[in-house]
N, C-alpha and C. Protein backbone atom coordinates (compact mmCIF):
# COMPACT_ATOMS: atom_id res chain seq x y z
N MET A 1 226.33 148.25 69.00
CA MET A 1 225.20 148.81 68.46
C MET A 1 223.68 148.32 69.03
N THR A 2 222.83 149.04 69.47
CA THR A 2 221.87 148.87 69.72
C THR A 2 220.72 148.18 69.19
N LYS A 3 219.68 147.45 69.93
CA LYS A 3 218.63 146.80 69.39
C LYS A 3 218.10 147.56 68.15
N LYS A 4 217.60 148.90 68.45
CA LYS A 4 217.10 149.42 67.33
C LYS A 4 217.83 149.59 66.32
N GLU A 5 219.17 150.01 66.43
CA GLU A 5 220.02 150.41 65.17
C GLU A 5 220.10 149.19 64.31
N LEU A 6 220.28 147.68 65.04
CA LEU A 6 220.54 146.66 64.75
C LEU A 6 219.13 146.44 63.65
N ALA A 7 218.20 146.72 64.37
CA ALA A 7 216.70 146.28 63.56
C ALA A 7 216.51 147.09 62.42
N GLU A 8 217.25 148.40 62.48
CA GLU A 8 217.23 149.25 61.22
C GLU A 8 218.18 148.87 60.19
N ARG A 9 219.05 148.34 60.81
CA ARG A 9 220.30 147.94 59.73
C ARG A 9 219.79 146.57 59.10
N ILE A 10 219.13 145.60 59.75
CA ILE A 10 218.67 144.38 58.81
C ILE A 10 217.22 144.60 58.29
N GLY A 11 216.44 145.76 58.68
CA GLY A 11 215.28 145.82 58.07
C GLY A 11 214.08 144.87 59.01
N VAL A 12 214.20 144.85 60.19
CA VAL A 12 212.91 144.38 60.81
C VAL A 12 212.64 145.24 61.95
N ASP A 13 211.71 144.88 62.92
CA ASP A 13 211.22 145.70 64.00
C ASP A 13 212.03 145.42 65.20
N PRO A 14 212.25 146.56 66.02
CA PRO A 14 213.17 146.18 67.31
C PRO A 14 212.61 144.96 68.02
N LYS A 15 211.46 144.67 68.15
CA LYS A 15 210.68 143.82 68.95
C LYS A 15 211.08 142.59 68.70
N THR A 16 211.37 142.41 67.06
CA THR A 16 211.80 141.09 66.41
C THR A 16 213.09 140.88 66.94
N ILE A 17 214.03 141.69 67.25
CA ILE A 17 215.35 141.27 68.01
C ILE A 17 215.25 141.02 69.30
N LYS A 18 214.48 141.68 70.04
CA LYS A 18 214.24 141.21 71.46
C LYS A 18 213.58 139.82 71.18
N ASN A 19 212.73 139.65 70.48
CA ASN A 19 212.21 138.08 70.42
C ASN A 19 213.28 136.99 70.06
N TRP A 20 214.13 137.26 69.20
CA TRP A 20 214.95 136.51 68.66
C TRP A 20 216.11 136.12 69.93
N GLU A 21 216.27 137.41 70.73
CA GLU A 21 217.46 137.07 71.71
C GLU A 21 216.83 135.73 72.63
N THR A 22 215.75 135.34 72.66
CA THR A 22 215.31 134.32 73.50
C THR A 22 214.91 133.29 72.87
N SER A 23 214.51 133.52 71.63
CA SER A 23 213.63 132.25 70.68
C SER A 23 214.53 131.88 69.95
N LYS A 24 215.70 132.62 69.08
CA LYS A 24 216.66 132.25 67.97
C LYS A 24 217.88 132.83 68.64
N PRO A 25 218.76 132.61 69.40
CA PRO A 25 219.96 133.05 70.04
C PRO A 25 221.00 132.82 68.70
N GLU A 26 220.95 131.82 68.10
CA GLU A 26 222.02 131.24 67.23
C GLU A 26 221.93 132.47 65.94
N LEU A 27 220.49 132.63 65.60
CA LEU A 27 220.32 133.43 64.23
C LEU A 27 220.83 134.85 64.66
N LEU A 28 220.71 135.47 65.77
CA LEU A 28 221.40 136.88 66.30
C LEU A 28 222.74 136.49 66.32
N LYS A 29 223.34 135.44 66.86
CA LYS A 29 224.76 135.62 66.91
C LYS A 29 225.29 135.64 65.52
N LEU A 30 224.57 134.72 64.45
CA LEU A 30 225.09 134.90 62.99
C LEU A 30 225.34 136.08 62.48
N ILE A 31 223.96 136.98 62.79
CA ILE A 31 223.84 138.37 62.22
C ILE A 31 225.02 139.19 62.76
N TYR A 32 225.41 138.98 64.28
CA TYR A 32 226.34 139.83 64.58
C TYR A 32 227.69 139.74 63.94
N LEU A 33 227.92 138.45 63.85
CA LEU A 33 229.04 137.87 63.29
C LEU A 33 229.25 138.24 61.66
N GLY A 34 228.25 138.23 61.19
CA GLY A 34 228.23 138.82 59.53
C GLY A 34 228.49 140.19 59.82
N LEU A 35 227.74 140.94 60.68
CA LEU A 35 228.31 142.59 60.54
C LEU A 35 229.77 142.49 61.01
N ALA A 36 230.10 141.88 61.82
CA ALA A 36 231.65 142.12 62.53
C ALA A 36 232.59 141.72 61.02
N THR A 37 232.21 140.76 60.33
CA THR A 37 232.94 140.39 59.02
C THR A 37 232.92 141.37 58.20
N GLU A 38 231.55 142.18 57.91
CA GLU A 38 231.57 143.15 56.87
C GLU A 38 232.56 144.24 57.28
N LYS A 39 232.42 144.85 58.64
CA LYS A 39 233.36 145.81 59.34
C LYS A 39 234.86 145.48 58.90
N HIS A 40 235.24 144.02 59.25
CA HIS A 40 236.31 143.72 59.18
C HIS A 40 237.03 143.97 57.55
N VAL A 41 236.07 143.47 56.67
CA VAL A 41 236.52 143.61 55.30
C VAL A 41 236.74 144.95 54.77
N GLN A 42 235.62 145.85 55.31
CA GLN A 42 235.82 147.38 54.98
C GLN A 42 237.22 147.88 55.62
N ASP A 43 237.33 147.55 56.86
CA ASP A 43 238.90 148.09 57.27
C ASP A 43 239.94 147.49 56.29
N VAL A 44 240.08 146.20 56.05
CA VAL A 44 240.96 145.89 55.04
C VAL A 44 241.19 146.62 53.86
N GLU A 45 239.71 146.85 53.43
CA GLU A 45 239.96 147.45 52.22
C GLU A 45 240.64 148.90 52.04
N ALA A 46 240.00 149.53 53.29
CA ALA A 46 240.91 150.76 53.61
C ALA A 46 242.07 150.68 53.43
N TYR A 47 242.76 149.77 54.52
CA TYR A 47 243.95 149.58 54.64
C TYR A 47 244.92 149.53 53.47
N LEU A 48 244.35 148.50 52.41
CA LEU A 48 244.45 148.41 51.22
C LEU A 48 244.81 149.45 50.33
N GLN A 49 243.89 150.65 50.42
CA GLN A 49 243.79 151.54 49.85
C GLN A 49 245.22 152.67 50.33
N GLU A 50 245.03 152.51 51.35
CA GLU A 50 246.12 153.40 51.90
C GLU A 50 247.41 153.05 51.32
N ILE A 51 247.86 151.63 51.37
CA ILE A 51 249.05 151.05 51.06
C ILE A 51 249.19 151.56 49.34
N LYS A 52 248.29 151.40 48.62
CA LYS A 52 248.27 151.69 47.25
C LYS A 52 248.67 153.31 46.95
N LYS A 53 247.91 153.98 47.97
CA LYS A 53 248.40 155.33 47.67
C LYS A 53 249.88 155.81 48.25
N ALA A 54 250.31 155.05 49.27
CA ALA A 54 251.66 155.09 49.59
C ALA A 54 252.75 154.72 48.32
N THR A 55 252.20 153.80 47.65
CA THR A 55 253.24 153.12 46.76
C THR A 55 252.99 153.86 45.78
N ASP A 56 251.85 154.60 45.46
CA ASP A 56 251.80 155.17 44.16
C ASP A 56 252.82 156.40 43.95
N LYS A 57 253.14 156.90 44.87
CA LYS A 57 253.85 158.33 45.34
C LYS A 57 255.09 158.12 44.78
């Protein structure tokens, strides 16, 4: 994910992301971890839906 995409996703200016890289690296790390967790949850939900479809047949 580019800085521009991340900025759009969380509703800040891309310059803010660039600033956070040096001034608040831990905040940026938490944001990326949160997005990764969100993706993982979505993947698990999709997998559970596939299992449900398979068992409903």
